[in-house]
């Protein structure tokens, strides 16, 4: 990555992204965050420069800086992606930890965070703006939609399909061939052995609708 990057979000996810970019020798220009108590705060040599709608920084994204959105709340992430694509005419870059393993025959979109020791298997396809957290496993021929969160230590077995906006909690196991619908939520530690409808919340072993 030739240009420096501006990180949207200075919370825990922002610190995770900052660490990833530093490990990859990518210069971080600064952080943007809407929480007043974080304004001006420094993390090492990187400062919180302003709010996420500050035009003085938005205007340099695309031409002089890249952007990464490190905000867990999906609705905020979606809004910021819209701002970047429409106002700045750019897509967020990926933040991929140097210990993550991504198959050479997998496909990964834009704006994704792939955390430490995460694995993405052969022929899997990851959409845009997903959070694939520490130690999670996305096995072979898995399809993951946009704005999906896969929690730490989750195991997504082969041929699983995960719809846009789904949330997969930490430690979840999804058996092979399952379909998880759009905006579905699966609670931490659940074992999913049957298809999950769109918008549903499932929890338990075996996971059931709650």
C-alpha atoms as a PDB file:
ATOM      1  CA  UNK A   1       0.000   0.000   0.000  1.00  0.00           C
ATOM      2  CA  UNK A   2       1.662   3.210  -1.200  1.00  0.00           C
ATOM      3  CA  UNK A   3      -0.566   5.797   0.481  1.00  0.00           C
ATOM      4  CA  UNK A   4      -1.025   6.184   4.243  1.00  0.00           C
ATOM      5  CA  UNK A   5      -4.351   5.136   5.737  1.00  0.00           C
ATOM      6  CA  UNK A   6      -6.911   6.952   7.880  1.00  0.00           C
ATOM      7  CA  UNK A   7      -8.758   4.687  10.316  1.00  0.00           C
ATOM      8  CA  UNK A   8     -12.406   5.478  11.099  1.00  0.00           C
ATOM      9  CA  UNK A   9     -12.928   4.471  14.731  1.00  0.00           C
ATOM     10  CA  UNK A  10     -10.590   4.755  17.709  1.00  0.00           C
ATOM     11  CA  UNK A  11     -12.149   2.106  19.931  1.00  0.00           C
ATOM     12  CA  UNK A  12     -11.013  -1.485  20.387  1.00  0.00           C
ATOM     13  CA  UNK A  13     -11.558  -2.320  16.730  1.00  0.00           C
ATOM     14  CA  UNK A  14      -9.619   0.776  15.713  1.00  0.00           C
ATOM     15  CA  UNK A  15      -6.700  -0.304  17.893  1.00  0.00           C
ATOM     16  CA  UNK A  16      -6.840  -3.745  16.302  1.00  0.00           C
ATOM     17  CA  UNK A  17      -6.688  -2.187  12.838  1.00  0.00           C
ATOM     18  CA  UNK A  18      -3.882   0.149  13.904  1.00  0.00           C
ATOM     19  CA  UNK A  19      -1.841  -2.831  15.088  1.00  0.00           C
ATOM     20  CA  UNK A  20      -2.468  -4.693  11.827  1.00  0.00           C
ATOM     21  CA  UNK A  21      -1.382  -1.781   9.652  1.00  0.00           C
ATOM     22  CA  UNK A  22       1.719  -1.180  11.749  1.00  0.00           C
ATOM     23  CA  UNK A  23       2.687  -4.847  11.527  1.00  0.00           C
ATOM     24  CA  UNK A  24       2.330  -4.580   7.767  1.00  0.00           C
ATOM     25  CA  UNK A  25       4.519  -1.434   7.677  1.00  0.00           C
ATOM     26  CA  UNK A  26       1.635   0.734   6.490  1.00  0.00           C
ATOM     27  CA  UNK A  27       1.762   4.349   7.636  1.00  0.00           C
ATOM     28  CA  UNK A  28      -1.366   5.379   9.570  1.00  0.00           C
ATOM     29  CA  UNK A  29      -2.087   9.067   8.992  1.00  0.00           C
ATOM     30  CA  UNK A  30      -4.486   9.276  11.921  1.00  0.00           C
ATOM     31  CA  UNK A  31      -7.791   8.184  13.426  1.00  0.00           C
ATOM     32  CA  UNK A  32     -11.266   9.712  13.183  1.00  0.00           C
ATOM     33  CA  UNK A  33     -13.888   9.161  15.884  1.00  0.00           C
ATOM     34  CA  UNK A  34     -17.128  10.867  16.897  1.00  0.00           C
ATOM     35  CA  UNK A  35     -16.633  10.401  20.650  1.00  0.00           C
ATOM     36  CA  UNK A  36     -15.631  13.751  22.141  1.00  0.00           C
ATOM     37  CA  UNK A  37     -13.501  12.187  24.888  1.00  0.00           C
ATOM     38  CA  UNK A  38     -11.204  10.673  22.254  1.00  0.00           C
ATOM     39  CA  UNK A  39     -10.557  13.893  20.325  1.00  0.00           C
ATOM     40  CA  UNK A  40      -6.849  14.724  20.385  1.00  0.00           C
ATOM     41  CA  UNK A  41      -5.899  11.502  22.139  1.00  0.00           C
ATOM     42  CA  UNK A  42      -2.693   9.841  20.985  1.00  0.00           C
ATOM     43  CA  UNK A  43      -1.983   6.149  20.552  1.00  0.00           C
ATOM     44  CA  UNK A  44       1.770   5.959  20.210  1.00  0.00           C
ATOM     45  CA  UNK A  45       2.537   8.362  17.394  1.00  0.00           C
ATOM     46  CA  UNK A  46      -0.990   8.279  15.928  1.00  0.00           C
ATOM     47  CA  UNK A  47      -3.596  10.865  16.973  1.00  0.00           C
ATOM     48  CA  UNK A  48      -7.390  11.096  16.857  1.00  0.00           C
ATOM     49  CA  UNK A  49      -7.606  13.958  14.376  1.00  0.00           C
ATOM     50  CA  UNK A  50     -11.313  14.709  14.357  1.00  0.00           C
ATOM     51  CA  UNK A  51     -14.795  13.353  13.741  1.00  0.00           C
ATOM     52  CA  UNK A  52     -15.768  10.939  10.978  1.00  0.00           C
ATOM     53  CA  UNK A  53     -17.545  13.665   8.964  1.00  0.00           C
ATOM     54  CA  UNK A  54     -14.627  16.126   9.046  1.00  0.00           C
ATOM     55  CA  UNK A  55     -14.305  17.292   5.418  1.00  0.00           C
ATOM     56  CA  UNK A  56     -10.713  18.426   5.864  1.00  0.00           C
ATOM     57  CA  UNK A  57      -9.791  14.735   6.130  1.00  0.00           C
ATOM     58  CA  UNK A  58     -12.483  13.273   3.898  1.00  0.00           C
ATOM     59  CA  UNK A  59     -11.222  15.477   1.061  1.00  0.00           C
ATOM     60  CA  UNK A  60      -7.784  13.825   1.019  1.00  0.00           C
ATOM     61  CA  UNK A  61      -9.129  10.258   1.016  1.00  0.00           C
ATOM     62  CA  UNK A  62      -8.774   8.657  -2.377  1.00  0.00           C
ATOM     63  CA  UNK A  63      -6.134  11.046  -3.685  1.00  0.00           C
ATOM     64  CA  UNK A  64      -3.614  11.147  -0.851  1.00  0.00           C
ATOM     65  CA  UNK A  65      -4.882   8.627   1.726  1.00  0.00           C
ATOM     66  CA  UNK A  66      -6.656   5.290   1.908  1.00  0.00           C
ATOM     67  CA  UNK A  67      -9.394   4.599   4.450  1.00  0.00           C
ATOM     68  CA  UNK A  68     -10.361   1.738   6.720  1.00  0.00           C
ATOM     69  CA  UNK A  69     -13.570   1.555   8.768  1.00  0.00           C
ATOM     70  CA  UNK A  70     -12.952   0.009  12.194  1.00  0.00           C
ATOM     71  CA  UNK A  71     -16.416   0.355  13.730  1.00  0.00           C
ATOM     72  CA  UNK A  72     -18.310  -2.702  14.906  1.00  0.00           C
ATOM     73  CA  UNK A  73     -21.854  -1.325  14.681  1.00  0.00           C
ATOM     74  CA  UNK A  74     -23.034  -2.367  11.257  1.00  0.00           C
ATOM     75  CA  UNK A  75     -25.377   0.563  10.608  1.00  0.00           C
ATOM     76  CA  UNK A  76     -22.542   3.040  11.238  1.00  0.00           C
ATOM     77  CA  UNK A  77     -20.181   1.014   9.069  1.00  0.00           C
ATOM     78  CA  UNK A  78     -22.736   1.022   6.261  1.00  0.00           C
ATOM     79  CA  UNK A  79     -23.215   4.789   6.534  1.00  0.00           C
ATOM     80  CA  UNK A  80     -19.487   5.473   6.411  1.00  0.00           C
ATOM     81  CA  UNK A  81     -18.999   3.137   3.455  1.00  0.00           C
ATOM     82  CA  UNK A  82     -21.703   5.104   1.626  1.00  0.00           C
ATOM     83  CA  UNK A  83     -19.906   8.370   2.436  1.00  0.00           C
ATOM     84  CA  UNK A  84     -16.582   7.043   1.188  1.00  0.00           C
ATOM     85  CA  UNK A  85     -17.966   5.590  -2.029  1.00  0.00           C
ATOM     86  CA  UNK A  86     -20.226   8.509  -2.931  1.00  0.00           C
ATOM     87  CA  UNK A  87     -18.329  11.539  -1.589  1.00  0.00           C
ATOM     88  CA  UNK A  88     -14.729  10.326  -1.783  1.00  0.00           C
ATOM     89  CA  UNK A  89     -15.169   7.963  -4.747  1.00  0.00           C
ATOM     90  CA  UNK A  90     -13.105   5.289  -3.022  1.00  0.00           C
ATOM     91  CA  UNK A  91     -13.536   1.938  -1.316  1.00  0.00           C
ATOM     92  CA  UNK A  92     -11.988   1.100   2.068  1.00  0.00           C
ATOM     93  CA  UNK A  93      -8.892  -1.066   1.997  1.00  0.00           C
ATOM     94  CA  UNK A  94      -8.494  -4.420   3.752  1.00  0.00           C
ATOM     95  CA  UNK A  95      -6.714  -4.852   7.075  1.00  0.00           C
ATOM     96  CA  UNK A  96      -5.210  -8.345   7.057  1.00  0.00           C
ATOM     97  CA  UNK A  97      -3.062  -9.490   9.979  1.00  0.00           C
ATOM     98  CA  UNK A  98       0.312 -10.872   8.948  1.00  0.00           C
ATOM     99  CA  UNK A  99      -0.430 -14.167  10.716  1.00  0.00           C
ATOM    100  CA  UNK A 100      -3.735 -14.724   8.892  1.00  0.00           C
ATOM    101  CA  UNK A 101      -3.801 -17.411   6.207  1.00  0.00           C
ATOM    102  CA  UNK A 102      -5.794 -16.718   3.043  1.00  0.00           C
ATOM    103  CA  UNK A 103      -5.766 -19.333   0.307  1.00  0.00           C
ATOM    104  CA  UNK A 104      -4.396 -18.225  -3.026  1.00  0.00           C
ATOM    105  CA  UNK A 105      -7.585 -19.488  -4.638  1.00  0.00           C
ATOM    106  CA  UNK A 106      -9.924 -17.671  -2.242  1.00  0.00           C
ATOM    107  CA  UNK A 107     -11.474 -14.306  -3.147  1.00  0.00           C
ATOM    108  CA  UNK A 108     -11.787 -11.398  -0.740  1.00  0.00           C
ATOM    109  CA  UNK A 109     -13.535  -8.087  -1.299  1.00  0.00           C
ATOM    110  CA  UNK A 110     -12.839  -4.567   0.017  1.00  0.00           C
ATOM    111  CA  UNK A 111     -12.844  -3.121   3.518  1.00  0.00           C
ATOM    112  CA  UNK A 112     -12.495  -6.400   5.392  1.00  0.00           C
ATOM    113  CA  UNK A 113     -10.683  -6.967   8.679  1.00  0.00           C
ATOM    114  CA  UNK A 114      -9.009 -10.380   8.869  1.00  0.00           C
ATOM    115  CA  UNK A 115      -7.541 -10.739  12.348  1.00  0.00           C
ATOM    116  CA  UNK A 116      -4.627 -12.709  13.789  1.00  0.00           C
ATOM    117  CA  UNK A 117      -4.497 -16.427  12.931  1.00  0.00           C
ATOM    118  CA  UNK A 118      -7.764 -16.338  10.992  1.00  0.00           C
ATOM    119  CA  UNK A 119      -7.899 -18.809   8.108  1.00  0.00           C
ATOM    120  CA  UNK A 120      -9.792 -18.516   4.824  1.00  0.00           C
ATOM    121  CA  UNK A 121      -9.796 -21.733   2.822  1.00  0.00           C
ATOM    122  CA  UNK A 122      -9.568 -22.555  -0.854  1.00  0.00           C
ATOM    123  CA  UNK A 123     -12.427 -21.436  -3.151  1.00  0.00           C
ATOM    124  CA  UNK A 124     -14.071 -19.423  -0.379  1.00  0.00           C
ATOM    125  CA  UNK A 125     -15.463 -16.004  -1.259  1.00  0.00           C
ATOM    126  CA  UNK A 126     -15.581 -13.160   1.274  1.00  0.00           C
ATOM    127  CA  UNK A 127     -17.690 -10.110   0.446  1.00  0.00           C
ATOM    128  CA  UNK A 128     -17.035  -6.499   1.440  1.00  0.00           C
ATOM    129  CA  UNK A 129     -16.724  -4.826   4.867  1.00  0.00           C
ATOM    130  CA  UNK A 130     -16.660  -8.024   6.932  1.00  0.00           C
ATOM    131  CA  UNK A 131     -15.036  -8.584  10.333  1.00  0.00           C
ATOM    132  CA  UNK A 132     -13.319 -11.972  10.533  1.00  0.00           C
ATOM    133  CA  UNK A 133     -11.972 -12.124  14.039  1.00  0.00           C
ATOM    134  CA  UNK A 134      -9.037 -13.764  15.798  1.00  0.00           C
ATOM    135  CA  UNK A 135      -8.517 -17.465  15.191  1.00  0.00           C
ATOM    136  CA  UNK A 136     -11.699 -17.961  13.198  1.00  0.00           C
ATOM    137  CA  UNK A 137     -11.740 -20.597  10.460  1.00  0.00           C
ATOM    138  CA  UNK A 138     -13.574 -20.179   7.182  1.00  0.00           C
ATOM    139  CA  UNK A 139     -13.167 -23.553   5.496  1.00  0.00           C
ATOM    140  CA  UNK A 140     -13.320 -24.540   1.829  1.00  0.00           C
ATOM    141  CA  UNK A 141     -15.925 -23.209  -0.635  1.00  0.00           C
ATOM    142  CA  UNK A 142     -17.679 -20.953   1.895  1.00  0.00           C
ATOM    143  CA  UNK A 143     -19.616 -17.924   0.629  1.00  0.00           C
ATOM    144  CA  UNK A 144     -19.739 -14.932   3.000  1.00  0.00           C
ATOM    145  CA  UNK A 145     -21.852 -11.894   2.115  1.00  0.00           C
ATOM    146  CA  UNK A 146     -21.217  -8.215   2.841  1.00  0.00           C
ATOM    147  CA  UNK A 147     -21.062  -6.645   6.325  1.00  0.00           C
ATOM    148  CA  UNK A 148     -20.808 -10.035   8.025  1.00  0.00           C
ATOM    149  CA  UNK A 149     -19.180 -10.430  11.458  1.00  0.00           C
ATOM    150  CA  UNK A 150     -17.500 -13.745  12.312  1.00  0.00           C
ATOM    151  CA  UNK A 151     -16.438 -13.813  15.968  1.00  0.00           C
ATOM    152  CA  UNK A 152     -13.175 -15.033  17.448  1.00  0.00           C
ATOM    153  CA  UNK A 153     -12.639 -18.767  17.267  1.00  0.00           C
ATOM    154  CA  UNK A 154     -15.705 -19.475  15.121  1.00  0.00           C
ATOM    155  CA  UNK A 155     -15.496 -22.467  12.778  1.00  0.00           C
ATOM    156  CA  UNK A 156     -17.365 -22.172   9.489  1.00  0.00           C
ATOM    157  CA  UNK A 157     -17.180 -25.539   7.775  1.00  0.00           C
ATOM    158  CA  UNK A 158     -17.093 -26.210   4.040  1.00  0.00           C
ATOM    159  CA  UNK A 159     -19.858 -25.084   1.666  1.00  0.00           C
ATOM    160  CA  UNK A 160     -21.592 -22.864   4.242  1.00  0.00           C
ATOM    161  CA  UNK A 161     -23.439 -19.819   2.868  1.00  0.00           C
ATOM    162  CA  UNK A 162     -23.716 -16.711   5.066  1.00  0.00           C
ATOM    163  CA  UNK A 163     -26.026 -13.877   3.987  1.00  0.00           C
ATOM    164  CA  UNK A 164     -25.348 -10.144   4.112  1.00  0.00           C
ATOM    165  CA  UNK A 165     -25.277  -8.549   7.553  1.00  0.00           C
ATOM    166  CA  UNK A 166     -25.241 -11.815   9.513  1.00  0.00           C
ATOM    167  CA  UNK A 167     -23.575 -11.934  12.921  1.00  0.00           C
ATOM    168  CA  UNK A 168     -21.748 -15.121  13.941  1.00  0.00           C
ATOM    169  CA  UNK A 169     -20.709 -15.021  17.606  1.00  0.00           C
ATOM    170  CA  UNK A 170     -17.402 -16.134  19.105  1.00  0.00           C
ATOM    171  CA  UNK A 171     -16.817 -19.874  19.206  1.00  0.00           C
ATOM    172  CA  UNK A 172     -19.758 -20.735  16.969  1.00  0.00           C
ATOM    173  CA  UNK A 173     -19.506 -23.940  14.926  1.00  0.00           C
ATOM    174  CA  UNK A 174     -21.499 -24.136  11.690  1.00  0.00           C
ATOM    175  CA  UNK A 175     -21.545 -27.604  10.140  1.00  0.00           C
ATOM    176  CA  UNK A 176     -20.939 -28.182   6.437  1.00  0.00           C
ATOM    177  CA  UNK A 177     -23.481 -27.059   3.870  1.00  0.00           C
ATOM    178  CA  UNK A 178     -25.607 -24.877   6.165  1.00  0.00           C
ATOM    179  CA  UNK A 179     -27.208 -21.646   4.961  1.00  0.00           C
ATOM    180  CA  UNK A 180     -27.397 -18.644   7.304  1.00  0.00           C
ATOM    181  CA  UNK A 181     -29.847 -16.022   6.090  1.00  0.00           C
ATOM    182  CA  UNK A 182     -29.435 -12.285   5.692  1.00  0.00           C
ATOM    183  CA  UNK A 183     -29.180 -10.344   8.985  1.00  0.00           C
ATOM    184  CA  UNK A 184     -29.407 -13.529  11.070  1.00  0.00           C
ATOM    185  CA  UNK A 185     -27.671 -13.637  14.451  1.00  0.00           C
ATOM    186  CA  UNK A 186     -26.044 -16.684  16.046  1.00  0.00           C
ATOM    187  CA  UNK A 187     -25.102 -16.468  19.721  1.00  0.00           C
ATOM    188  CA  UNK A 188     -21.613 -17.237  21.018  1.00  0.00           C
ATOM    189  CA  UNK A 189     -20.717 -20.893  21.436  1.00  0.00           C
ATOM    190  CA  UNK A 190     -23.654 -22.192  19.424  1.00  0.00           C
ATOM    191  CA  UNK A 191     -23.494 -25.266  17.187  1.00  0.00           C
ATOM    192  CA  UNK A 192     -25.530 -24.775  14.028  1.00  0.00           C
ATOM    193  CA  UNK A 193     -26.788 -27.995  12.446  1.00  0.00           C
ATOM    194  CA  UNK A 194     -29.756 -26.658  10.453  1.00  0.00           C
ATOM    195  CA  UNK A 195     -30.367 -23.704   8.156  1.00  0.00           C
ATOM    196  CA  UNK A 196     -30.964 -20.341   9.865  1.00  0.00           C
ATOM    197  CA  UNK A 197     -33.680 -18.125   8.297  1.00  0.00           C
ATOM    198  CA  UNK A 198     -33.068 -14.493   7.414  1.00  0.00           C
ATOM    199  CA  UNK A 199     -33.403 -12.148  10.387  1.00  0.00           C
ATOM    200  CA  UNK A 200     -33.629 -14.946  12.951  1.00  0.00           C
ATOM    201  CA  UNK A 201     -31.624 -15.242  16.183  1.00  0.00           C
ATOM    202  CA  UNK A 202     -30.340 -18.706  17.083  1.00  0.00           C
ATOM    203  CA  UNK A 203     -28.516 -19.907  20.185  1.00  0.00           C
ATOM    204  CA  UNK A 204     -27.473 -23.139  21.859  1.00  0.00           C
ATOM    205  CA  UNK A 205     -26.182 -26.646  21.074  1.00  0.00           C
ATOM    206  CA  UNK A 206     -27.854 -27.533  18.848  1.00  0.00           C
ATOM    207  CA  UNK A 207     -28.751 -23.940  17.973  1.00  0.00           C
ATOM    208  CA  UNK A 208     -32.456 -23.116  18.161  1.00  0.00           C
ATOM    209  CA  UNK A 209     -34.488 -20.008  17.469  1.00  0.00           C
ATOM    210  CA  UNK A 210     -34.822 -17.641  20.433  1.00  0.00           C
END
